[in-house]
PDB file of N, CA and C in Angstrom:
ATOM      1  N   MET A   1     -64.633 -54.920   8.436  1.00  0.00           N
ATOM      2  CA  MET A   1     -64.666 -54.016   7.369  1.00  0.00           C
ATOM      3  C   MET A   1     -64.751 -52.680   7.508  1.00  0.00           C
ATOM      4  N   LYS A   2     -65.659 -52.183   8.516  1.00  0.00           N
ATOM      5  CA  LYS A   2     -65.684 -50.784   8.776  1.00  0.00           C
ATOM      6  C   LYS A   2     -64.149 -49.928   9.072  1.00  0.00           C
ATOM      7  N   ARG A   3     -63.448 -50.899   9.609  1.00  0.00           N
ATOM      8  CA  ARG A   3     -62.313 -50.358   9.757  1.00  0.00           C
ATOM      9  C   ARG A   3     -61.367 -50.421   9.129  1.00  0.00           C
ATOM     10  N   GLU A   4     -61.437 -51.208   8.200  1.00  0.00           N
ATOM     11  CA  GLU A   4     -60.407 -50.580   6.898  1.00  0.00           C
ATOM     12  C   GLU A   4     -61.148 -49.692   6.010  1.00  0.00           C
ATOM     13  N   ASN A   5     -62.030 -49.392   5.827  1.00  0.00           N
ATOM     14  CA  ASN A   5     -62.797 -48.198   5.399  1.00  0.00           C
ATOM     15  C   ASN A   5     -62.129 -47.017   5.594  1.00  0.00           C
ATOM     16  N   ILE A   6     -62.282 -46.575   7.221  1.00  0.00           N
ATOM     17  CA  ILE A   6     -61.831 -45.840   7.799  1.00  0.00           C
ATOM     18  C   ILE A   6     -60.352 -45.569   7.872  1.00  0.00           C
ATOM     19  N   THR A   7     -59.625 -46.362   7.652  1.00  0.00           N
ATOM     20  CA  THR A   7     -57.659 -46.731   7.435  1.00  0.00           C
ATOM     21  C   THR A   7     -57.593 -45.987   6.104  1.00  0.00           C
ATOM     22  N   VAL A   8     -58.425 -46.559   5.158  1.00  0.00           N
ATOM     23  CA  VAL A   8     -58.281 -46.342   3.781  1.00  0.00           C
ATOM     24  C   VAL A   8     -58.845 -44.749   3.713  1.00  0.00           C
ATOM     25  N   THR A   9     -59.536 -44.274   4.027  1.00  0.00           N
ATOM     26  CA  THR A   9     -59.951 -42.777   4.243  1.00  0.00           C
ATOM     27  C   THR A   9     -59.147 -41.602   4.888  1.00  0.00           C
ATOM     28  N   THR A  10     -58.577 -42.056   6.109  1.00  0.00           N
ATOM     29  CA  THR A  10     -57.494 -41.672   6.687  1.00  0.00           C
ATOM     30  C   THR A  10     -55.990 -41.434   6.078  1.00  0.00           C
ATOM     31  N   PHE A  11     -55.812 -42.959   5.061  1.00  0.00           N
ATOM     32  CA  PHE A  11     -54.658 -42.732   4.439  1.00  0.00           C
ATOM     33  C   PHE A  11     -54.688 -41.807   3.376  1.00  0.00           C
ATOM     34  N   SER A  12     -55.963 -41.697   2.549  1.00  0.00           N
ATOM     35  CA  SER A  12     -56.098 -40.832   1.514  1.00  0.00           C
ATOM     36  C   SER A  12     -56.229 -39.418   1.922  1.00  0.00           C
ATOM     37  N   ARG A  13     -56.594 -39.137   2.857  1.00  0.00           N
ATOM     38  CA  ARG A  13     -56.388 -37.526   3.491  1.00  0.00           C
ATOM     39  C   ARG A  13     -54.630 -37.249   3.758  1.00  0.00           C
ATOM     40  N   LYS A  14     -54.401 -37.970   4.457  1.00  0.00           N
ATOM     41  CA  LYS A  14     -52.691 -38.087   4.871  1.00  0.00           C
ATOM     42  C   LYS A  14     -51.942 -37.791   3.300  1.00  0.00           C
ATOM     43  N   ASN A  15     -52.517 -38.677   2.216  1.00  0.00           N
ATOM     44  CA  ASN A  15     -51.719 -38.572   1.227  1.00  0.00           C
ATOM     45  C   ASN A  15     -52.039 -37.047   0.386  1.00  0.00           C
ATOM     46  N   ARG A  16     -53.441 -36.639   0.515  1.00  0.00           N
ATOM     47  CA  ARG A  16     -53.613 -35.501  -0.386  1.00  0.00           C
ATOM     48  C   ARG A  16     -52.743 -34.379   0.355  1.00  0.00           C
ATOM     49  N   PHE A  17     -52.816 -34.338   1.877  1.00  0.00           N
ATOM     50  CA  PHE A  17     -51.930 -33.385   2.403  1.00  0.00           C
ATOM     51  C   PHE A  17     -50.518 -33.522   1.753  1.00  0.00           C
ATOM     52  N   LYS A  18     -49.937 -34.296   1.885  1.00  0.00           N
ATOM     53  CA  LYS A  18     -48.490 -34.415   1.271  1.00  0.00           C
ATOM     54  C   LYS A  18     -48.388 -34.195   0.186  1.00  0.00           C
ATOM     55  N   LYS A  19     -49.469 -34.589  -0.847  1.00  0.00           N
ATOM     56  CA  LYS A  19     -49.281 -34.349  -2.417  1.00  0.00           C
ATOM     57  C   LYS A  19     -49.419 -33.042  -2.464  1.00  0.00           C
ATOM     58  N   HIS A  20     -50.500 -32.155  -2.056  1.00  0.00           N
ATOM     59  CA  HIS A  20     -50.833 -30.942  -2.347  1.00  0.00           C
ATOM     60  C   HIS A  20     -50.550 -29.613  -1.534  1.00  0.00           C
ATOM     61  N   ILE A  21     -50.741 -29.922  -0.139  1.00  0.00           N
ATOM     62  CA  ILE A  21     -50.461 -28.598   0.933  1.00  0.00           C
ATOM     63  C   ILE A  21     -49.116 -28.573   1.071  1.00  0.00           C
ATOM     64  N   VAL A  22     -48.062 -29.586   1.018  1.00  0.00           N
ATOM     65  CA  VAL A  22     -46.979 -29.280   1.769  1.00  0.00           C
ATOM     66  C   VAL A  22     -46.226 -28.795   0.485  1.00  0.00           C
ATOM     67  N   PRO A  23     -46.176 -28.949  -0.707  1.00  0.00           N
ATOM     68  CA  PRO A  23     -45.458 -28.001  -1.707  1.00  0.00           C
ATOM     69  C   PRO A  23     -45.985 -26.641  -2.003  1.00  0.00           C
ATOM     70  N   MET A  24     -47.272 -26.657  -1.626  1.00  0.00           N
ATOM     71  CA  MET A  24     -47.495 -25.399  -1.876  1.00  0.00           C
ATOM     72  C   MET A  24     -47.343 -24.255  -0.613  1.00  0.00           C
ATOM     73  N   ALA A  25     -47.348 -24.782   0.670  1.00  0.00           N
ATOM     74  CA  ALA A  25     -46.780 -24.350   1.665  1.00  0.00           C
ATOM     75  C   ALA A  25     -45.123 -23.968   1.218  1.00  0.00           C
ATOM     76  N   ALA A  26     -44.415 -24.785   1.030  1.00  0.00           N
ATOM     77  CA  ALA A  26     -43.105 -24.456   0.592  1.00  0.00           C
ATOM     78  C   ALA A  26     -42.789 -23.621  -0.192  1.00  0.00           C
ATOM     79  N   GLY A  27     -43.765 -23.422  -1.735  1.00  0.00           N
ATOM     80  CA  GLY A  27     -43.519 -22.267  -2.480  1.00  0.00           C
ATOM     81  C   GLY A  27     -44.091 -20.982  -1.870  1.00  0.00           C
ATOM     82  N   ILE A  28     -44.903 -20.987  -1.194  1.00  0.00           N
ATOM     83  CA  ILE A  28     -45.138 -19.738  -0.451  1.00  0.00           C
ATOM     84  C   ILE A  28     -43.846 -19.319   0.254  1.00  0.00           C
ATOM     85  N   ILE A  29     -43.419 -20.069   1.312  1.00  0.00           N
ATOM     86  CA  ILE A  29     -42.585 -19.773   1.779  1.00  0.00           C
ATOM     87  C   ILE A  29     -41.206 -19.308   1.335  1.00  0.00           C
ATOM     88  N   THR A  30     -40.897 -19.830   0.262  1.00  0.00           N
ATOM     89  CA  THR A  30     -39.779 -19.492  -0.388  1.00  0.00           C
ATOM     90  C   THR A  30     -40.114 -18.361  -1.357  1.00  0.00           C
ATOM     91  N   ALA A  31     -41.191 -17.992  -1.906  1.00  0.00           N
ATOM     92  CA  ALA A  31     -41.586 -17.008  -2.481  1.00  0.00           C
ATOM     93  C   ALA A  31     -41.401 -15.671  -1.669  1.00  0.00           C
ATOM     94  N   ALA A  32     -41.832 -15.735  -0.457  1.00  0.00           N
ATOM     95  CA  ALA A  32     -41.879 -14.368   0.517  1.00  0.00           C
ATOM     96  C   ALA A  32     -40.771 -14.482   1.123  1.00  0.00           C
ATOM     97  N   SER A  33     -40.061 -15.493   1.143  1.00  0.00           N
ATOM     98  CA  SER A  33     -38.291 -15.238   1.367  1.00  0.00           C
ATOM     99  C   SER A  33     -37.630 -14.465   0.618  1.00  0.00           C
ATOM    100  N   LEU A  34     -37.802 -14.961  -0.707  1.00  0.00           N
ATOM    101  CA  LEU A  34     -36.965 -14.256  -1.997  1.00  0.00           C
ATOM    102  C   LEU A  34     -37.675 -12.739  -2.471  1.00  0.00           C
ATOM    103  N   TYR A  35     -38.574 -12.606  -1.918  1.00  0.00           N
ATOM    104  CA  TYR A  35     -39.295 -10.933  -2.256  1.00  0.00           C
ATOM    105  C   TYR A  35     -38.262  -9.853  -1.698  1.00  0.00           C
ATOM    106  N   ALA A  36     -37.987  -9.225  -2.764  1.00  0.00           N
ATOM    107  CA  ALA A  36     -36.953  -8.241  -2.580  1.00  0.00           C
ATOM    108  C   ALA A  36     -37.807  -6.782  -2.624  1.00  0.00           C
ATOM    109  N   LEU A  37     -37.728  -6.203  -1.160  1.00  0.00           N
ATOM    110  CA  LEU A  37     -38.206  -4.814  -1.033  1.00  0.00           C
ATOM    111  C   LEU A  37     -37.200  -3.709  -1.278  1.00  0.00           C
ATOM    112  N   PRO A  38     -37.822  -2.586  -1.812  1.00  0.00           N
ATOM    113  CA  PRO A  38     -36.975  -1.604  -2.478  1.00  0.00           C
ATOM    114  C   PRO A  38     -36.610  -0.713  -0.789  1.00  0.00           C
ATOM    115  N   VAL A  39     -35.393  -0.222  -0.633  1.00  0.00           N
ATOM    116  CA  VAL A  39     -35.169   0.293   0.346  1.00  0.00           C
ATOM    117  C   VAL A  39     -34.572   1.901   0.075  1.00  0.00           C
ATOM    118  N   HIS A  40     -35.049   2.807   0.517  1.00  0.00           N
ATOM    119  CA  HIS A  40     -34.891   4.208   0.157  1.00  0.00           C
ATOM    120  C   HIS A  40     -33.892   4.548   1.330  1.00  0.00           C
ATOM    121  N   ALA A  41     -32.765   4.551   1.489  1.00  0.00           N
ATOM    122  CA  ALA A  41     -32.058   5.059   2.634  1.00  0.00           C
ATOM    123  C   ALA A  41     -31.675   6.470   2.397  1.00  0.00           C
ATOM    124  N   SER A  42     -31.577   7.192   3.134  1.00  0.00           N
ATOM    125  CA  SER A  42     -31.321   9.114   3.465  1.00  0.00           C
ATOM    126  C   SER A  42     -30.022   8.978   4.128  1.00  0.00           C
ATOM    127  N   GLY A  43     -29.238   9.751   3.925  1.00  0.00           N
ATOM    128  CA  GLY A  43     -28.176   9.958   4.233  1.00  0.00           C
ATOM    129  C   GLY A  43     -26.860   9.368   4.193  1.00  0.00           C
ATOM    130  N   VAL A  44     -26.656   8.785   2.864  1.00  0.00           N
ATOM    131  CA  VAL A  44     -25.955   7.782   2.662  1.00  0.00           C
ATOM    132  C   VAL A  44     -24.519   8.257   2.674  1.00  0.00           C
ATOM    133  N   SER A  45     -24.055   9.453   2.561  1.00  0.00           N
ATOM    134  CA  SER A  45     -22.946   9.878   2.569  1.00  0.00           C
ATOM    135  C   SER A  45     -22.460  10.056   4.189  1.00  0.00           C
ATOM    136  N   GLU A  46     -23.352  10.068   5.035  1.00  0.00           N
ATOM    137  CA  GLU A  46     -22.997  10.147   6.401  1.00  0.00           C
ATOM    138  C   GLU A  46     -22.463   8.633   6.860  1.00  0.00           C
ATOM    139  N   VAL A  47     -23.267   7.680   6.197  1.00  0.00           N
ATOM    140  CA  VAL A  47     -22.663   6.287   6.610  1.00  0.00           C
ATOM    141  C   VAL A  47     -21.345   5.992   5.737  1.00  0.00           C
ATOM    142  N   LEU A  48     -21.314   6.528   4.517  1.00  0.00           N
ATOM    143  CA  LEU A  48     -20.198   6.049   3.697  1.00  0.00           C
ATOM    144  C   LEU A  48     -18.970   6.778   4.045  1.00  0.00           C
ATOM    145  N   ASN A  49     -18.573   8.152   4.528  1.00  0.00           N
ATOM    146  CA  ASN A  49     -18.076   8.703   4.670  1.00  0.00           C
ATOM    147  C   ASN A  49     -16.621   7.930   5.405  1.00  0.00           C
ATOM    148  N   PRO A  50     -17.024   7.672   6.746  1.00  0.00           N
ATOM    149  CA  PRO A  50     -15.708   6.986   7.509  1.00  0.00           C
ATOM    150  C   PRO A  50     -15.294   5.560   6.834  1.00  0.00           C
ATOM    151  N   ILE A  51     -16.286   4.999   6.039  1.00  0.00           N
ATOM    152  CA  ILE A  51     -15.594   3.907   5.234  1.00  0.00           C
ATOM    153  C   ILE A  51     -14.954   4.451   3.975  1.00  0.00           C
ATOM    154  N   ASN A  52     -14.963   5.501   3.260  1.00  0.00           N
ATOM    155  CA  ASN A  52     -14.160   6.205   2.278  1.00  0.00           C
ATOM    156  C   ASN A  52     -12.777   6.685   2.797  1.00  0.00           C
ATOM    157  N   ASN A  53     -12.968   7.134   4.026  1.00  0.00           N
ATOM    158  CA  ASN A  53     -11.652   7.682   4.817  1.00  0.00           C
ATOM    159  C   ASN A  53     -10.963   6.427   5.478  1.00  0.00           C
ATOM    160  N   LEU A  54     -11.376   5.280   5.713  1.00  0.00           N
ATOM    161  CA  LEU A  54     -10.730   4.085   6.019  1.00  0.00           C
ATOM    162  C   LEU A  54     -10.260   3.654   4.839  1.00  0.00           C
ATOM    163  N   LYS A  55     -10.494   3.552   3.826  1.00  0.00           N
ATOM    164  CA  LYS A  55     -10.339   3.339   2.380  1.00  0.00           C
ATOM    165  C   LYS A  55      -9.052   3.791   1.664  1.00  0.00           C
ATOM    166  N   THR A  56      -9.369   5.075   2.128  1.00  0.00           N
ATOM    167  CA  THR A  56      -8.413   5.833   1.741  1.00  0.00           C
ATOM    168  C   THR A  56      -6.964   5.829   2.390  1.00  0.00           C
ATOM    169  N   LEU A  57      -7.303   5.737   3.771  1.00  0.00           N
ATOM    170  CA  LEU A  57      -6.047   5.424   4.755  1.00  0.00           C
ATOM    171  C   LEU A  57      -5.407   4.287   4.408  1.00  0.00           C
ATOM    172  N   VAL A  58      -6.006   3.127   4.113  1.00  0.00           N
ATOM    173  CA  VAL A  58      -5.400   2.000   4.047  1.00  0.00           C
ATOM    174  C   VAL A  58      -4.679   1.738   2.445  1.00  0.00           C
ATOM    175  N   LEU A  59      -5.218   2.618   1.586  1.00  0.00           N
ATOM    176  CA  LEU A  59      -4.650   2.650   0.430  1.00  0.00           C
ATOM    177  C   LEU A  59      -3.399   3.440   0.414  1.00  0.00           C
ATOM    178  N   ALA A  60      -3.420   4.284   1.083  1.00  0.00           N
ATOM    179  CA  ALA A  60      -2.255   5.291   1.319  1.00  0.00           C
ATOM    180  C   ALA A  60      -1.077   4.649   2.032  1.00  0.00           C
ATOM    181  N   ILE A  61      -1.596   3.783   3.010  1.00  0.00           N
ATOM    182  CA  ILE A  61      -0.323   3.079   3.817  1.00  0.00           C
ATOM    183  C   ILE A  61       0.058   2.100   3.023  1.00  0.00           C
ATOM    184  N   ILE A  62      -0.526   1.087   2.102  1.00  0.00           N
ATOM    185  CA  ILE A  62      -0.064   0.155   1.391  1.00  0.00           C
ATOM    186  C   ILE A  62       0.392   0.862   0.433  1.00  0.00           C
ATOM    187  N   GLY A  63       0.678   2.219  -0.375  1.00  0.00           N
ATOM    188  CA  GLY A  63       1.165   2.772  -1.128  1.00  0.00           C
ATOM    189  C   GLY A  63       2.220   3.213  -0.723  1.00  0.00           C
ATOM    190  N   ALA A  64       2.475   3.343   0.615  1.00  0.00           N
ATOM    191  CA  ALA A  64       3.859   3.936   1.354  1.00  0.00           C
ATOM    192  C   ALA A  64       4.829   2.902   1.555  1.00  0.00           C
ATOM    193  N   VAL A  65       4.211   1.580   2.170  1.00  0.00           N
ATOM    194  CA  VAL A  65       4.838   0.453   2.237  1.00  0.00           C
ATOM    195  C   VAL A  65       5.593   0.077   0.880  1.00  0.00           C
ATOM    196  N   GLY A  66       4.674   0.348  -0.574  1.00  0.00           N
ATOM    197  CA  GLY A  66       5.425  -0.207  -1.601  1.00  0.00           C
ATOM    198  C   GLY A  66       6.399   0.648  -1.821  1.00  0.00           C
ATOM    199  N   VAL A  67       6.406   2.047  -1.542  1.00  0.00           N
ATOM    200  CA  VAL A  67       7.643   2.602  -2.079  1.00  0.00           C
ATOM    201  C   VAL A  67       8.933   1.982  -1.125  1.00  0.00           C
ATOM    202  N   ILE A  68       8.454   1.957   0.022  1.00  0.00           N
ATOM    203  CA  ILE A  68       9.816   1.688   0.821  1.00  0.00           C
ATOM    204  C   ILE A  68      10.502   0.327   0.571  1.00  0.00           C
ATOM    205  N   ILE A  69       9.366  -0.640  -0.031  1.00  0.00           N
ATOM    206  CA  ILE A  69       9.902  -2.077  -0.402  1.00  0.00           C
ATOM    207  C   ILE A  69      10.635  -1.963  -1.591  1.00  0.00           C
ATOM    208  N   LEU A  70      10.080  -0.973  -2.555  1.00  0.00           N
ATOM    209  CA  LEU A  70      10.543  -0.654  -3.938  1.00  0.00           C
ATOM    210  C   LEU A  70      12.140  -0.214  -3.528  1.00  0.00           C
ATOM    211  N   ALA A  71      12.219   0.716  -2.786  1.00  0.00           N
ATOM    212  CA  ALA A  71      13.620   1.285  -2.707  1.00  0.00           C
ATOM    213  C   ALA A  71      14.643   0.436  -2.071  1.00  0.00           C
ATOM    214  N   LYS A  72      13.986  -0.195  -1.035  1.00  0.00           N
ATOM    215  CA  LYS A  72      15.092  -1.481  -0.199  1.00  0.00           C
ATOM    216  C   LYS A  72      15.499  -2.156  -1.529  1.00  0.00           C
ATOM    217  N   ASN A  73      14.615  -2.792  -2.459  1.00  0.00           N
ATOM    218  CA  ASN A  73      15.008  -3.829  -3.512  1.00  0.00           C
ATOM    219  C   ASN A  73      15.844  -3.246  -4.621  1.00  0.00           C
ATOM    220  N   VAL A  74      15.629  -1.783  -4.958  1.00  0.00           N
ATOM    221  CA  VAL A  74      16.497  -1.453  -5.492  1.00  0.00           C
ATOM    222  C   VAL A  74      18.074  -1.244  -5.112  1.00  0.00           C
ATOM    223  N   MET A  75      18.080  -1.130  -3.925  1.00  0.00           N
ATOM    224  CA  MET A  75      19.401  -1.154  -3.275  1.00  0.00           C
ATOM    225  C   MET A  75      20.112  -2.525  -3.146  1.00  0.00           C
ATOM    226  N   GLU A  76      19.066  -3.505  -2.776  1.00  0.00           N
ATOM    227  CA  GLU A  76      19.315  -4.908  -3.006  1.00  0.00           C
ATOM    228  C   GLU A  76      20.007  -5.019  -4.503  1.00  0.00           C
ATOM    229  N   PHE A  77      19.571  -4.802  -5.454  1.00  0.00           N
ATOM    230  CA  PHE A  77      19.478  -5.412  -6.844  1.00  0.00           C
ATOM    231  C   PHE A  77      20.860  -4.442  -7.046  1.00  0.00           C
ATOM    232  N   ALA A  78      21.179  -3.227  -6.486  1.00  0.00           N
ATOM    233  CA  ALA A  78      22.681  -2.687  -7.034  1.00  0.00           C
ATOM    234  C   ALA A  78      23.310  -3.386  -6.356  1.00  0.00           C
ATOM    235  N   GLN A  79      23.172  -3.845  -5.372  1.00  0.00           N
ATOM    236  CA  GLN A  79      24.556  -4.520  -4.072  1.00  0.00           C
ATOM    237  C   GLN A  79      24.942  -5.745  -4.812  1.00  0.00           C
ATOM    238  N   ALA A  80      23.916  -6.472  -5.344  1.00  0.00           N
ATOM    239  CA  ALA A  80      23.794  -7.802  -5.943  1.00  0.00           C
ATOM    240  C   ALA A  80      24.366  -7.813  -6.957  1.00  0.00           C
ATOM    241  N   TYR A  81      23.910  -6.601  -8.233  1.00  0.00           N
ATOM    242  CA  TYR A  81      24.626  -6.596  -9.282  1.00  0.00           C
ATOM    243  C   TYR A  81      26.048  -6.068  -9.166  1.00  0.00           C
ATOM    244  N   GLN A  82      26.735  -5.539  -8.212  1.00  0.00           N
ATOM    245  CA  GLN A  82      27.937  -5.101  -8.036  1.00  0.00           C
ATOM    246  C   GLN A  82      28.667  -6.605  -7.713  1.00  0.00           C
ATOM    247  N   GLN A  83      28.137  -7.365  -6.928  1.00  0.00           N
ATOM    248  CA  GLN A  83      28.698  -8.547  -6.376  1.00  0.00           C
ATOM    249  C   GLN A  83      28.554  -9.944  -7.312  1.00  0.00           C
ATOM    250  N   GLN A  84      28.062  -9.414  -8.668  1.00  0.00           N
ATOM    251  CA  GLN A  84      27.490 -10.405  -9.668  1.00  0.00           C
ATOM    252  C   GLN A  84      26.947 -11.887  -9.019  1.00  0.00           C
ATOM    253  N   ASP A  85      25.945 -11.409  -7.959  1.00  0.00           N
ATOM    254  CA  ASP A  85      25.371 -12.695  -7.275  1.00  0.00           C
ATOM    255  C   ASP A  85      23.810 -12.740  -7.870  1.00  0.00           C
ATOM    256  N   SER A  86      23.467 -13.807  -8.450  1.00  0.00           N
ATOM    257  CA  SER A  86      22.637 -13.875  -9.250  1.00  0.00           C
ATOM    258  C   SER A  86      21.253 -14.502  -8.791  1.00  0.00           C
ATOM    259  N   SER A  87      21.398 -15.117  -7.581  1.00  0.00           N
ATOM    260  CA  SER A  87      20.484 -15.370  -6.902  1.00  0.00           C
ATOM    261  C   SER A  87      19.723 -14.256  -5.827  1.00  0.00           C
ATOM    262  N   SER A  88      20.632 -13.327  -5.397  1.00  0.00           N
ATOM    263  CA  SER A  88      20.134 -12.233  -4.919  1.00  0.00           C
ATOM    264  C   SER A  88      19.384 -11.170  -5.791  1.00  0.00           C
ATOM    265  N   MET A  89      19.928 -11.301  -7.233  1.00  0.00           N
ATOM    266  CA  MET A  89      19.665 -10.360  -7.899  1.00  0.00           C
ATOM    267  C   MET A  89      18.205 -10.480  -8.486  1.00  0.00           C
ATOM    268  N   ASN A  90      17.988 -12.196  -8.678  1.00  0.00           N
ATOM    269  CA  ASN A  90      16.486 -12.655  -8.573  1.00  0.00           C
ATOM    270  C   ASN A  90      15.366 -12.269  -7.620  1.00  0.00           C
ATOM    271  N   SER A  91      15.982 -12.175  -6.275  1.00  0.00           N
ATOM    272  CA  SER A  91      15.367 -12.066  -5.390  1.00  0.00           C
ATOM    273  C   SER A  91      14.702 -10.423  -5.265  1.00  0.00           C
ATOM    274  N   ALA A  92      16.103  -9.599  -5.427  1.00  0.00           N
ATOM    275  CA  ALA A  92      15.577  -8.329  -5.502  1.00  0.00           C
ATOM    276  C   ALA A  92      14.577  -7.849  -6.398  1.00  0.00           C
ATOM    277  N   LEU A  93      14.485  -8.506  -7.752  1.00  0.00           N
ATOM    278  CA  LEU A  93      13.744  -7.978  -8.662  1.00  0.00           C
ATOM    279  C   LEU A  93      12.511  -8.568  -8.082  1.00  0.00           C
ATOM    280  N   LYS A  94      12.388  -9.732  -8.098  1.00  0.00           N
ATOM    281  CA  LYS A  94      10.868  -9.828  -6.953  1.00  0.00           C
ATOM    282  C   LYS A  94      10.313  -8.695  -6.491  1.00  0.00           C
ATOM    283  N   GLY A  95      11.286  -8.571  -5.470  1.00  0.00           N
ATOM    284  CA  GLY A  95      11.074  -7.554  -4.646  1.00  0.00           C
ATOM    285  C   GLY A  95      10.295  -5.958  -5.254  1.00  0.00           C
ATOM    286  N   ILE A  96      11.503  -5.781  -6.530  1.00  0.00           N
ATOM    287  CA  ILE A  96      10.932  -4.976  -7.078  1.00  0.00           C
ATOM    288  C   ILE A  96       9.418  -4.737  -7.640  1.00  0.00           C
ATOM    289  N   VAL A  97       9.600  -5.914  -8.489  1.00  0.00           N
ATOM    290  CA  VAL A  97       8.265  -6.025  -8.638  1.00  0.00           C
ATOM    291  C   VAL A  97       6.815  -5.990  -7.801  1.00  0.00           C
ATOM    292  N   ALA A  98       7.289  -6.407  -6.491  1.00  0.00           N
ATOM    293  CA  ALA A  98       5.970  -6.238  -5.429  1.00  0.00           C
ATOM    294  C   ALA A  98       6.033  -4.989  -5.331  1.00  0.00           C
ATOM    295  N   GLY A  99       7.139  -4.248  -4.854  1.00  0.00           N
ATOM    296  CA  GLY A  99       7.069  -2.838  -4.342  1.00  0.00           C
ATOM    297  C   GLY A  99       6.281  -2.158  -5.285  1.00  0.00           C
ATOM    298  N   LEU A 100       6.746  -2.167  -6.677  1.00  0.00           N
ATOM    299  CA  LEU A 100       5.989  -1.416  -7.767  1.00  0.00           C
ATOM    300  C   LEU A 100       4.229  -1.782  -7.851  1.00  0.00           C
ATOM    301  N   ILE A 101       3.972  -2.869  -7.669  1.00  0.00           N
ATOM    302  CA  ILE A 101       2.537  -3.306  -7.461  1.00  0.00           C
ATOM    303  C   ILE A 101       2.073  -2.650  -6.467  1.00  0.00           C
ATOM    304  N   MET A 102       2.427  -2.750  -5.068  1.00  0.00           N
ATOM    305  CA  MET A 102       2.281  -2.088  -3.831  1.00  0.00           C
ATOM    306  C   MET A 102       2.011  -0.510  -3.862  1.00  0.00           C
ATOM    307  N   ALA A 103       3.011   0.181  -4.669  1.00  0.00           N
ATOM    308  CA  ALA A 103       3.100   1.140  -4.857  1.00  0.00           C
ATOM    309  C   ALA A 103       1.867   2.005  -5.936  1.00  0.00           C
ATOM    310  N   GLY A 104       1.939   1.276  -6.807  1.00  0.00           N
ATOM    311  CA  GLY A 104       0.492   1.719  -7.794  1.00  0.00           C
ATOM    312  C   GLY A 104      -0.557   1.008  -7.502  1.00  0.00           C
ATOM    313  N   ILE A 105      -1.097   0.499  -6.635  1.00  0.00           N
ATOM    314  CA  ILE A 105      -2.261  -0.076  -6.405  1.00  0.00           C
ATOM    315  C   ILE A 105      -3.345   0.810  -5.953  1.00  0.00           C
ATOM    316  N   SER A 106      -2.733   1.993  -5.216  1.00  0.00           N
ATOM    317  CA  SER A 106      -3.828   3.322  -4.975  1.00  0.00           C
ATOM    318  C   SER A 106      -3.909   3.932  -6.134  1.00  0.00           C
ATOM    319  N   ALA A 107      -3.633   3.913  -7.303  1.00  0.00           N
ATOM    320  CA  ALA A 107      -3.737   4.700  -8.510  1.00  0.00           C
ATOM    321  C   ALA A 107      -4.611   3.635  -9.481  1.00  0.00           C
ATOM    322  N   VAL A 108      -4.333   2.505  -9.505  1.00  0.00           N
ATOM    323  CA  VAL A 108      -5.309   1.216 -10.130  1.00  0.00           C
ATOM    324  C   VAL A 108      -6.555   1.322  -9.536  1.00  0.00           C
ATOM    325  N   MET A 109      -6.740   1.418  -8.040  1.00  0.00           N
ATOM    326  CA  MET A 109      -7.786   1.527  -7.241  1.00  0.00           C
ATOM    327  C   MET A 109      -8.804   2.676  -7.587  1.00  0.00           C
ATOM    328  N   THR A 110      -8.336   3.617  -7.840  1.00  0.00           N
ATOM    329  CA  THR A 110      -8.717   4.837  -8.030  1.00  0.00           C
ATOM    330  C   THR A 110      -9.502   4.856  -9.740  1.00  0.00           C
ATOM    331  N   PHE A 111      -8.470   4.182 -10.497  1.00  0.00           N
ATOM    332  CA  PHE A 111      -8.797   4.317 -12.109  1.00  0.00           C
ATOM    333  C   PHE A 111     -10.096   3.209 -11.944  1.00  0.00           C
ATOM    334  N   LEU A 112     -10.528   2.179 -10.983  1.00  0.00           N
ATOM    335  CA  LEU A 112     -11.242   1.187 -11.266  1.00  0.00           C
ATOM    336  C   LEU A 112     -12.510   1.842 -10.635  1.00  0.00           C
ATOM    337  N   GLY A 113     -12.686   2.945  -9.864  1.00  0.00           N
ATOM    338  CA  GLY A 113     -13.938   3.352  -8.921  1.00  0.00           C
ATOM    339  C   GLY A 113     -13.848   2.998  -7.676  1.00  0.00           C
ATOM    340  N   PHE A 114     -12.808   2.299  -6.940  1.00  0.00           N
ATOM    341  CA  PHE A 114     -12.985   2.018  -5.761  1.00  0.00           C
ATOM    342  C   PHE A 114     -12.508   2.794  -4.897  1.00  0.00           C
TER     343      PHE A 114
END
């Protein structure tokens, strides 16, 4: 009879541990991991200048390639129009739209604040 009493007490302690301590520990760990600390960075411009220069370079390259694609497809459209080739005209028009988008992307990105 004594052994049964000890087993019930041990089970009761394990049950209490699982029921109260584990959720409390999980809540504390979750709260600590989600706690946001303010960060005060100094010299932000020193960090962001290379990134901004790279962004400007990439946008300029995309714009230049867009102008080249636009010019190429305008010439293709003119040739297709002269030959009355509708499939080539359709393809050239798609290229013209793509070239316009690429050429204007830097202006759009500047307007959006990037």
